[in-house]
Amino acid sequence: MDSIYNAELAELVDALDSDSSVCLKHSGSSPEFRIAWQPKYYFEPYCSSIVGKENKILTSIQNPLVKQVRKLHRSQERQKQNLLLIEGTNLIEAACQADYKLDIIFYTERWQQNHQPLCRIIAEREVRAEFVSPEVLKAIATTVNPDGVVAIAPRPNAEPVPTLRTVGLALERLQDPGNLGTIIRTAAAAGVDGLWLSPDSVDFYSPKVLRASVGQWFGLPVVTNQDLPQLVEQQQQQGVQIIATTSKAAKTYWDADFTRPSLILLGNEGAGLSSELIDLADVQIKIPLANQVESLNVAIASALLLYEAQRQLVVISNFE
């Protein structure tokens, strides 16, 4: 048995070095694999738990697996199952680049034909794959016009704890998933050390948040359910400057010194920051507004503040 297995393994290594794509199929508990030679970048579903169904297409939205995935449209169900939905080619690519574990990927024939290099990457990662009809894919996705691929993945076992060296961002009671995703994307682009979310903020694992982040969700250190007053206290003890945003501030954001390690506090889209956090801050700043405009979108406000901080840090680094 060992000699046969070693011979098959050697054949497999040769296959992986060739221009052909290889599909491995594990037969139960036996260490036997068969090698399926296909044209380069052919993507055949790898399946380790549904034996013998690799080549079948899922066409019914009443299929038990499809029904289970559709439950993940609800935040409560995603939390209960400890899973998240990753929708669209861009997010699947970002997940692979970040080496984020995927449990199951659902794809249509057209998507397979148009994304052969990505299919090969997925096959090499040995992700369980399910070939589905466009109707099933649409039922699984939360978007109106899905592009042909959806994956389910586990939530991270543990959230990274950011180390604040230059600039961090804390969000209180943020409610819009699009705003949160945009802020994540902006924060990553501006080189922010990390982001903290209060417990009463929007679901960080919402598919809308992932899509709005355009893949940066997988890279930026984010802490959810954070007690923000406690965080402020901890950061102040470490010498971090706490900057609160409020329309009643006397100073504009241009006057703030972002060359010091700083934690910027941003509040709810409608109500802004709570008075508790404003009172705890070392500095209070505002964004000047003309023409009787009352406020800016919180994602736009975050971009202005973060890039002012980056500008100051770049300027000071040029003088060192």
Protein backbone atom coordinates (compact mmCIF):
# COMPACT_ATOMS: atom_id res chain seq x y z
CA MET A 1 0.00 0.00 0.00
CA ASP A 2 2.76 2.48 0.94
CA SER A 3 4.62 1.93 -2.34
CA ILE A 4 1.42 2.50 -4.34
CA TYR A 5 0.62 5.60 -2.34
CA ASN A 6 4.18 6.96 -2.77
CA ALA A 7 4.00 6.33 -6.52
CA GLU A 8 0.71 8.18 -6.75
CA LEU A 9 2.13 11.04 -4.69
CA ALA A 10 5.14 11.29 -7.03
CA GLU A 11 2.77 11.36 -9.99
CA LEU A 12 0.80 14.12 -8.31
CA VAL A 13 3.93 16.24 -7.76
CA ASP A 14 4.81 15.87 -11.45
CA ALA A 15 1.27 16.91 -12.35
CA LEU A 16 1.40 20.04 -10.24
CA ASP A 17 4.57 21.08 -12.08
CA SER A 18 2.91 20.67 -15.48
CA ASP A 19 0.61 22.97 -17.43
CA SER A 20 -2.42 20.85 -16.61
CA SER A 21 -4.86 21.44 -13.79
CA VAL A 22 -5.27 18.71 -11.21
CA CYS A 23 -8.39 17.84 -9.25
CA LEU A 24 -7.86 15.70 -6.16
CA LYS A 25 -10.63 13.54 -4.81
CA HIS A 26 -10.24 11.93 -1.44
CA SER A 27 -12.04 8.60 -1.21
CA GLY A 28 -13.40 8.41 2.31
CA SER A 29 -10.77 7.60 4.94
CA SER A 30 -8.48 5.79 2.48
CA PRO A 31 -5.27 7.63 1.51
CA GLU A 32 -6.05 7.17 -2.18
CA PHE A 33 -6.35 9.97 -4.66
CA ARG A 34 -7.13 9.92 -8.33
CA ILE A 35 -5.68 12.50 -10.65
CA ALA A 36 -8.07 14.04 -13.15
CA TRP A 37 -6.22 15.65 -16.06
CA GLN A 38 -8.02 18.69 -17.42
CA PRO A 39 -7.17 21.65 -19.64
CA LYS A 40 -5.19 24.34 -17.84
CA TYR A 41 -7.26 26.32 -15.29
CA TYR A 42 -10.21 23.94 -15.49
CA PHE A 43 -12.06 24.18 -12.22
CA GLU A 44 -13.78 21.04 -11.01
CA PRO A 45 -15.42 21.28 -7.59
CA TYR A 46 -13.38 19.83 -4.78
CA CYS A 47 -15.72 18.11 -2.36
CA SER A 48 -14.71 16.30 0.81
CA SER A 49 -18.04 15.93 2.57
CA ILE A 50 -20.57 15.19 -0.21
CA VAL A 51 -19.11 12.02 -1.72
CA GLY A 52 -20.00 11.36 -5.35
CA LYS A 53 -21.75 14.67 -5.96
CA GLU A 54 -18.80 16.63 -7.29
CA ASN A 55 -20.15 17.06 -10.81
CA LYS A 56 -23.80 17.68 -10.00
CA ILE A 57 -25.35 21.11 -10.28
CA LEU A 58 -27.59 22.51 -7.57
CA THR A 59 -30.74 23.82 -9.22
CA SER A 60 -33.30 23.96 -6.42
CA ILE A 61 -33.54 26.71 -3.82
CA GLN A 62 -35.24 24.10 -1.63
CA ASN A 63 -31.98 22.17 -1.36
CA PRO A 64 -31.10 21.89 2.37
CA LEU A 65 -27.64 23.44 1.87
CA VAL A 66 -29.05 26.33 -0.13
CA LYS A 67 -31.73 26.96 2.51
CA GLN A 68 -29.07 26.95 5.23
CA VAL A 69 -26.94 29.50 3.37
CA ARG A 70 -29.94 31.75 2.75
CA LYS A 71 -30.41 32.00 6.50
CA LEU A 72 -27.10 33.86 6.63
CA HIS A 73 -28.81 36.89 5.11
CA ARG A 74 -29.91 37.66 8.68
CA SER A 75 -27.43 39.11 11.17
CA GLN A 76 -28.79 36.99 14.00
CA GLU A 77 -28.29 33.79 11.99
CA ARG A 78 -24.75 34.76 10.96
CA GLN A 79 -23.91 35.27 14.61
CA LYS A 80 -25.59 32.02 15.64
CA GLN A 81 -23.72 29.96 13.02
CA ASN A 82 -20.49 31.95 13.46
CA LEU A 83 -20.30 32.39 9.69
CA LEU A 84 -20.19 35.21 7.17
CA LEU A 85 -21.10 35.64 3.49
CA ILE A 86 -18.43 36.72 1.02
CA GLU A 87 -20.00 37.84 -2.24
CA GLY A 88 -18.45 38.72 -5.57
CA THR A 89 -15.20 38.12 -7.38
CA ASN A 90 -13.34 41.06 -5.84
CA LEU A 91 -14.02 39.90 -2.29
CA ILE A 92 -13.17 36.28 -3.09
CA GLU A 93 -9.85 37.45 -4.55
CA ALA A 94 -9.18 39.62 -1.50
CA ALA A 95 -9.96 36.71 0.83
CA CYS A 96 -7.54 34.46 -1.05
CA GLN A 97 -4.83 37.13 -1.04
CA ALA A 98 -5.28 37.53 2.72
CA ASP A 99 -5.18 33.72 3.11
CA TYR A 100 -8.62 33.89 4.72
CA LYS A 101 -10.21 30.46 5.12
CA LEU A 102 -13.24 29.73 2.92
CA ASP A 103 -15.60 26.89 3.85
CA ILE A 104 -17.74 26.54 0.72
CA ILE A 105 -17.81 28.41 -2.56
CA PHE A 106 -20.85 28.51 -4.85
CA TYR A 107 -20.32 29.43 -8.50
CA THR A 108 -22.09 29.42 -11.84
CA GLU A 109 -20.82 28.01 -15.14
CA ARG A 110 -20.37 31.47 -16.66
CA TRP A 111 -18.36 32.66 -13.67
CA GLN A 112 -16.15 29.59 -13.94
CA GLN A 113 -15.49 30.25 -17.62
CA ASN A 114 -14.62 33.91 -17.03
CA HIS A 115 -12.37 33.48 -13.97
CA GLN A 116 -10.19 30.46 -14.67
CA PRO A 117 -7.01 31.73 -12.91
CA LEU A 118 -8.97 32.41 -9.73
CA CYS A 119 -10.65 29.01 -10.07
CA ARG A 120 -7.26 27.35 -10.04
CA ILE A 121 -6.23 29.24 -6.90
CA ILE A 122 -9.43 28.12 -5.19
CA ALA A 123 -8.92 24.52 -6.29
CA GLU A 124 -5.39 24.51 -4.90
CA ARG A 125 -6.74 25.72 -1.55
CA GLU A 126 -9.01 22.65 -1.49
CA VAL A 127 -12.15 24.65 -0.80
CA ARG A 128 -15.36 22.68 -1.03
CA ALA A 129 -17.07 23.91 -4.18
CA GLU A 130 -20.68 23.72 -5.33
CA PHE A 131 -21.68 24.23 -8.96
CA VAL A 132 -25.06 26.03 -8.97
CA SER A 133 -27.59 27.42 -11.41
CA PRO A 134 -27.90 31.23 -11.81
CA GLU A 135 -31.26 31.03 -10.01
CA VAL A 136 -29.73 29.34 -6.97
CA LEU A 137 -26.79 31.77 -6.94
CA LYS A 138 -29.21 34.70 -6.96
CA ALA A 139 -31.13 33.16 -4.06
CA ILE A 140 -27.94 32.70 -2.04
CA ALA A 141 -26.60 36.22 -2.69
CA THR A 142 -27.82 39.35 -0.94
CA THR A 143 -27.17 41.58 -3.95
CA VAL A 144 -29.73 42.21 -6.70
CA ASN A 145 -27.34 41.32 -9.53
CA PRO A 146 -24.66 38.92 -8.21
CA ASP A 147 -21.67 38.34 -10.46
CA GLY A 148 -21.74 34.55 -10.17
CA VAL A 149 -19.89 33.60 -7.01
CA VAL A 150 -20.65 33.51 -3.28
CA ALA A 151 -18.67 31.91 -0.45
CA ILE A 152 -19.37 31.19 3.19
CA ALA A 153 -16.53 31.42 5.66
CA PRO A 154 -16.00 31.22 9.41
CA ARG A 155 -15.69 34.35 11.47
CA PRO A 156 -12.19 34.98 12.83
CA ASN A 157 -11.44 33.00 16.00
CA ALA A 158 -9.96 36.09 17.62
CA GLU A 159 -9.92 39.74 16.66
CA PRO A 160 -6.51 41.39 16.22
CA VAL A 161 -5.61 43.95 18.88
CA PRO A 162 -4.23 47.03 17.10
CA THR A 163 -1.10 48.72 18.41
CA LEU A 164 -1.62 52.46 18.12
CA ARG A 165 1.63 54.10 16.98
CA THR A 166 0.36 56.96 14.82
CA VAL A 167 -3.43 57.19 14.28
CA GLY A 168 -6.38 55.08 15.35
CA LEU A 169 -10.11 55.48 14.82
CA ALA A 170 -12.97 54.73 17.23
CA LEU A 171 -16.59 54.74 16.06
CA GLU A 172 -19.54 55.15 18.40
CA ARG A 173 -23.01 53.86 17.47
CA LEU A 174 -22.39 53.85 13.71
CA GLN A 175 -25.52 52.52 12.02
CA ASP A 176 -24.99 52.38 8.26
CA PRO A 177 -23.07 49.37 6.87
CA GLY A 178 -22.09 51.32 3.76
CA ASN A 179 -20.51 54.02 5.92
CA LEU A 180 -18.59 51.48 7.98
CA GLY A 181 -17.27 49.69 4.90
CA THR A 182 -16.21 52.99 3.33
CA ILE A 183 -14.47 54.05 6.54
CA ILE A 184 -12.60 50.73 6.67
CA ARG A 185 -11.44 51.23 3.09
CA THR A 186 -10.40 54.83 3.78
CA ALA A 187 -8.64 53.94 7.02
CA ALA A 188 -6.64 51.22 5.26
CA ALA A 189 -5.67 53.64 2.48
CA ALA A 190 -4.60 56.29 5.01
CA GLY A 191 -2.43 53.84 6.93
CA VAL A 192 -4.47 53.80 10.13
CA ASP A 193 -3.18 51.45 12.85
CA GLY A 194 -6.61 50.09 13.76
CA LEU A 195 -10.30 50.70 14.25
CA TRP A 196 -12.56 50.17 17.27
CA LEU A 197 -16.37 49.81 17.18
CA SER A 198 -18.77 50.35 20.06
CA PRO A 199 -21.16 47.46 20.94
CA ASP A 200 -24.22 49.29 19.58
CA SER A 201 -22.74 49.83 16.12
CA VAL A 202 -23.71 48.15 12.86
CA ASP A 203 -22.80 44.48 12.36
CA PHE A 204 -19.14 44.38 11.32
CA TYR A 205 -19.81 41.03 9.58
CA SER A 206 -22.63 42.35 7.39
CA PRO A 207 -22.20 41.51 3.67
CA LYS A 208 -22.81 45.21 2.94
CA VAL A 209 -19.87 46.18 5.13
CA LEU A 210 -17.60 43.69 3.35
CA ARG A 211 -18.65 44.93 -0.09
CA ALA A 212 -18.27 48.61 0.81
CA SER A 213 -14.76 47.94 2.16
CA VAL A 214 -13.75 46.64 -1.31
CA GLY A 215 -11.60 43.92 0.21
CA GLN A 216 -9.92 45.99 2.94
CA TRP A 217 -12.11 44.25 5.52
CA PHE A 218 -9.62 41.37 5.48
CA GLY A 219 -6.57 43.52 6.23
CA LEU A 220 -7.40 46.31 8.69
CA PRO A 221 -7.24 45.37 12.41
CA VAL A 222 -10.73 45.98 13.82
CA VAL A 223 -12.04 45.43 17.35
CA THR A 224 -15.81 45.11 17.75
CA ASN A 225 -17.98 45.46 20.87
CA GLN A 226 -15.39 47.76 22.40
CA ASP A 227 -16.18 49.72 25.56
CA LEU A 228 -15.05 53.09 24.19
CA PRO A 229 -14.74 55.00 27.51
CA GLN A 230 -12.54 52.16 28.76
CA LEU A 231 -10.50 52.28 25.53
CA VAL A 232 -10.02 56.05 25.90
CA GLU A 233 -8.77 55.59 29.44
CA GLN A 234 -6.32 52.86 28.41
CA GLN A 235 -4.95 54.87 25.51
CA GLN A 236 -4.55 58.01 27.61
CA GLN A 237 -2.50 56.03 30.13
CA GLN A 238 -0.20 55.06 27.25
CA GLY A 239 0.27 58.67 26.21
CA VAL A 240 -2.13 58.64 23.27
CA GLN A 241 -3.94 61.89 22.49
CA ILE A 242 -7.75 61.53 22.33
CA ILE A 243 -9.41 63.73 19.70
CA ALA A 244 -13.19 64.14 19.71
CA THR A 245 -15.17 65.51 16.79
CA THR A 246 -18.01 67.89 17.65
CA SER A 247 -19.67 70.79 15.85
CA LYS A 248 -19.37 72.88 19.04
CA ALA A 249 -15.56 72.76 19.13
CA ALA A 250 -13.57 75.97 18.94
CA LYS A 251 -10.66 74.44 16.98
CA THR A 252 -10.83 73.15 13.42
CA TYR A 253 -9.21 69.87 12.42
CA TRP A 254 -6.42 71.85 10.74
CA ASP A 255 -5.38 73.09 14.19
CA ALA A 256 -5.01 69.62 15.71
CA ASP A 257 -1.54 68.13 16.17
CA PHE A 258 -1.74 64.71 14.55
CA THR A 259 2.02 64.18 14.76
CA ARG A 260 1.41 62.79 18.25
CA PRO A 261 -0.08 59.28 18.56
CA SER A 262 -3.80 60.03 18.32
CA LEU A 263 -7.12 58.25 18.65
CA ILE A 264 -9.89 60.00 16.70
CA LEU A 265 -13.45 59.60 17.98
CA LEU A 266 -16.35 59.75 15.50
CA GLY A 267 -20.00 59.39 16.40
CA ASN A 268 -23.41 58.36 15.11
CA GLU A 269 -24.54 59.62 11.68
CA GLY A 270 -27.33 61.71 13.19
CA ALA A 271 -26.50 62.42 16.83
CA GLY A 272 -22.69 62.53 16.69
CA LEU A 273 -20.55 61.64 19.68
CA SER A 274 -22.01 61.16 23.14
CA SER A 275 -21.27 63.87 25.69
CA GLU A 276 -19.43 61.26 27.78
CA LEU A 277 -16.80 60.68 25.11
CA ILE A 278 -16.54 64.37 24.24
CA ASP A 279 -15.82 65.17 27.89
CA LEU A 280 -13.14 62.45 28.10
CA ALA A 281 -11.24 63.76 25.07
CA ASP A 282 -8.02 65.76 25.33
CA VAL A 283 -8.85 67.81 22.23
CA GLN A 284 -12.14 68.76 20.57
CA ILE A 285 -12.18 69.64 16.87
CA LYS A 286 -14.69 70.42 14.13
CA ILE A 287 -14.79 70.47 10.34
CA PRO A 288 -15.72 74.01 9.21
CA LEU A 289 -18.88 74.12 7.09
CA ALA A 290 -20.21 76.90 4.85
CA ASN A 291 -23.59 77.78 3.35
CA GLN A 292 -25.50 76.69 6.45
CA VAL A 293 -24.62 73.02 5.89
CA GLU A 294 -25.21 71.31 9.23
CA SER A 295 -22.99 68.24 8.89
CA LEU A 296 -21.03 65.93 6.61
CA ASN A 297 -21.44 62.24 6.00
CA VAL A 298 -19.41 60.42 8.65
CA ALA A 299 -17.38 58.51 6.05
CA ILE A 300 -16.42 61.78 4.33
CA ALA A 301 -15.57 63.35 7.69
CA SER A 302 -13.31 60.40 8.53
CA ALA A 303 -11.49 60.81 5.20
CA LEU A 304 -10.80 64.49 5.84
CA LEU A 305 -9.45 63.83 9.33
CA LEU A 306 -7.35 60.80 8.42
CA TYR A 307 -5.72 62.45 5.43
CA GLU A 308 -4.96 65.60 7.40
CA ALA A 309 -3.28 63.34 9.93
CA GLN A 310 -1.35 61.60 7.15
CA ARG A 311 -0.35 64.96 5.62
CA GLN A 312 1.10 66.13 8.93
CA LEU A 313 2.96 62.87 9.46
CA VAL A 314 4.44 63.01 5.96
CA VAL A 315 5.52 66.63 6.42
CA ILE A 316 7.28 65.92 9.72
CA SER A 317 8.97 62.80 8.32
CA ASN A 318 10.42 64.88 5.49
CA PHE A 319 12.14 67.14 8.02
CA GLU A 320 13.67 64.28 10.00
